[in-house]
Amino acid sequence: MIQGIDGTYPDYTRVTPPASDAFTAHLSASALSRLRTIASATCYGRSLPLRLDPDAGRMSLTMPDGVDLSIALQGQTTKDGQTATYSLALLSEFARIAPAFTLSSAGRGEPARIVTEDPEALWVLMPMRD
């Protein structure tokens, strides 16, 4: 049985991580699309972990055959050596929504807030285990 909720919505603010500048990465749809195209040629159906390293200015992934792919990334961290790992497949889906977006989190292993130029849009992305 389906029941309508008629204006009653869950309080999403309770599970949305607060804004943080501890880890920030600016991602472009074109860069993510290039990485996903290369990866999908050899890794059908796998969600590869994409490592974001703003201090080094790189986002990279390691293919199952051991080959590393890397591309430029803009961003910043408040602590040296701080990185984050998210699913390339999920991040690539955001590339279909916006030409560029910003991912920010409180640090490694924390959920990330994703925002675009649309002030009304907000997504939350869970990290992958390293």
Protein backbone atom coordinates (compact mmCIF):
# COMPACT_ATOMS: atom_id res chain seq x y z
CA MET A 1 0.00 0.00 0.00
CA ILE A 2 1.32 3.44 -0.94
CA GLN A 3 0.57 6.36 1.32
CA GLY A 4 1.15 9.99 0.40
CA ILE A 5 3.12 12.23 2.70
CA ASP A 6 1.23 15.45 1.92
CA GLY A 7 3.79 18.08 2.84
CA THR A 8 5.56 16.03 5.52
CA TYR A 9 9.22 15.62 4.67
CA PRO A 10 12.12 14.09 6.58
CA ASP A 11 14.43 16.52 8.35
CA TYR A 12 17.38 16.13 5.99
CA THR A 13 19.38 18.76 7.89
CA ARG A 14 19.98 16.22 10.67
CA VAL A 15 22.02 13.98 8.36
CA THR A 16 23.61 16.60 6.11
CA PRO A 17 27.21 17.31 7.09
CA PRO A 18 27.89 20.93 8.03
CA ALA A 19 29.83 23.12 5.62
CA SER A 20 33.56 22.76 6.14
CA ASP A 21 36.68 24.08 4.45
CA ALA A 22 38.99 21.38 5.88
CA PHE A 23 38.97 19.61 2.51
CA THR A 24 37.80 21.25 -0.71
CA ALA A 25 38.10 20.04 -4.30
CA HIS A 26 36.76 21.70 -7.45
CA LEU A 27 35.88 19.06 -10.04
CA SER A 28 35.12 19.51 -13.72
CA ALA A 29 32.76 17.31 -15.68
CA SER A 30 35.19 17.07 -18.60
CA ALA A 31 38.05 15.75 -16.43
CA LEU A 32 35.82 13.18 -14.72
CA SER A 33 34.39 12.08 -18.06
CA ARG A 34 37.88 11.54 -19.49
CA LEU A 35 38.91 9.42 -16.49
CA ARG A 36 35.70 7.40 -16.58
CA THR A 37 36.01 6.75 -20.32
CA ILE A 38 39.55 5.45 -19.94
CA ALA A 39 38.65 3.36 -16.89
CA SER A 40 35.51 1.87 -18.42
CA ALA A 41 37.54 0.51 -21.33
CA THR A 42 39.11 -2.04 -18.98
CA CYS A 43 36.91 -2.14 -15.87
CA TYR A 44 33.35 -2.87 -16.93
CA GLY A 45 30.87 -2.51 -14.10
CA ARG A 46 33.43 -1.70 -11.41
CA SER A 47 33.24 1.38 -9.26
CA LEU A 48 36.84 2.47 -9.00
CA PRO A 49 38.05 4.56 -6.05
CA LEU A 50 39.09 8.04 -7.13
CA ARG A 51 41.67 9.57 -4.80
CA LEU A 52 41.51 13.35 -4.47
CA ASP A 53 44.71 15.07 -3.33
CA PRO A 54 44.24 18.86 -3.47
CA ASP A 55 47.66 19.65 -1.99
CA ALA A 56 49.37 17.74 -4.82
CA GLY A 57 46.87 19.18 -7.32
CA ARG A 58 45.94 15.70 -8.62
CA MET A 59 43.06 13.27 -8.69
CA SER A 60 44.06 9.73 -9.50
CA LEU A 61 42.92 6.14 -9.69
CA THR A 62 44.73 2.85 -9.91
CA MET A 63 43.47 0.45 -12.54
CA PRO A 64 43.16 -3.28 -11.71
CA ASP A 65 46.22 -3.96 -13.90
CA GLY A 66 48.30 -1.59 -11.72
CA VAL A 67 48.37 1.36 -14.12
CA ASP A 68 47.86 4.74 -12.43
CA LEU A 69 45.77 7.42 -14.13
CA SER A 70 46.07 11.00 -12.91
CA ILE A 71 44.66 14.37 -13.88
CA ALA A 72 44.90 17.92 -12.54
CA LEU A 73 42.72 18.99 -9.61
CA GLN A 74 42.16 22.34 -7.92
CA GLY A 75 41.44 22.51 -4.23
CA GLN A 76 42.82 23.02 -0.76
CA THR A 77 43.12 21.38 2.63
CA THR A 78 43.73 22.73 6.09
CA LYS A 79 46.12 19.89 6.93
CA ASP A 80 49.04 18.74 4.75
CA GLY A 81 48.69 15.32 3.17
CA GLN A 82 44.92 15.15 3.60
CA THR A 83 43.24 13.13 0.85
CA ALA A 84 39.81 11.64 0.25
CA THR A 85 38.53 8.72 -1.80
CA TYR A 86 35.16 8.67 -3.54
CA SER A 87 33.59 6.50 -6.22
CA LEU A 88 34.55 7.56 -9.75
CA ALA A 89 31.21 6.24 -11.01
CA LEU A 90 29.20 8.37 -8.56
CA LEU A 91 31.27 11.49 -9.13
CA SER A 92 30.87 11.01 -12.88
CA GLU A 93 27.10 11.07 -12.43
CA PHE A 94 27.40 14.62 -11.09
CA ALA A 95 29.19 15.49 -14.33
CA ARG A 96 25.87 14.86 -16.08
CA ILE A 97 24.18 17.42 -13.82
CA ALA A 98 26.70 20.26 -13.80
CA PRO A 99 29.81 21.22 -15.80
CA ALA A 100 31.66 21.85 -12.53
CA PHE A 101 31.01 21.34 -8.85
CA THR A 102 32.70 21.70 -5.49
CA LEU A 103 33.13 18.86 -3.03
CA SER A 104 33.94 19.71 0.59
CA SER A 105 34.23 17.67 3.77
CA ALA A 106 35.49 17.80 7.33
CA GLY A 107 38.29 15.39 6.41
CA ARG A 108 39.29 11.90 5.37
CA GLY A 109 36.52 9.33 5.77
CA GLU A 110 33.81 11.97 6.22
CA PRO A 111 30.76 12.51 4.00
CA ALA A 112 31.17 15.28 1.44
CA ARG A 113 28.82 18.11 0.54
CA ILE A 114 28.56 18.69 -3.19
CA VAL A 115 27.35 22.04 -4.48
CA THR A 116 26.99 23.54 -7.95
CA GLU A 117 26.21 27.03 -9.14
CA ASP A 118 22.56 26.31 -8.29
CA PRO A 119 22.13 27.67 -4.74
CA GLU A 120 19.14 25.38 -4.13
CA ALA A 121 20.99 22.15 -4.97
CA LEU A 122 22.90 20.14 -2.37
CA TRP A 123 24.09 16.53 -2.46
CA VAL A 124 25.83 14.38 0.13
CA LEU A 125 28.33 11.73 -0.96
CA MET A 126 29.71 9.01 1.29
CA PRO A 127 33.43 8.20 0.96
CA MET A 128 34.84 4.85 -0.13
CA ARG A 129 37.01 2.85 2.22
CA ASP A 130 40.72 3.09 1.47
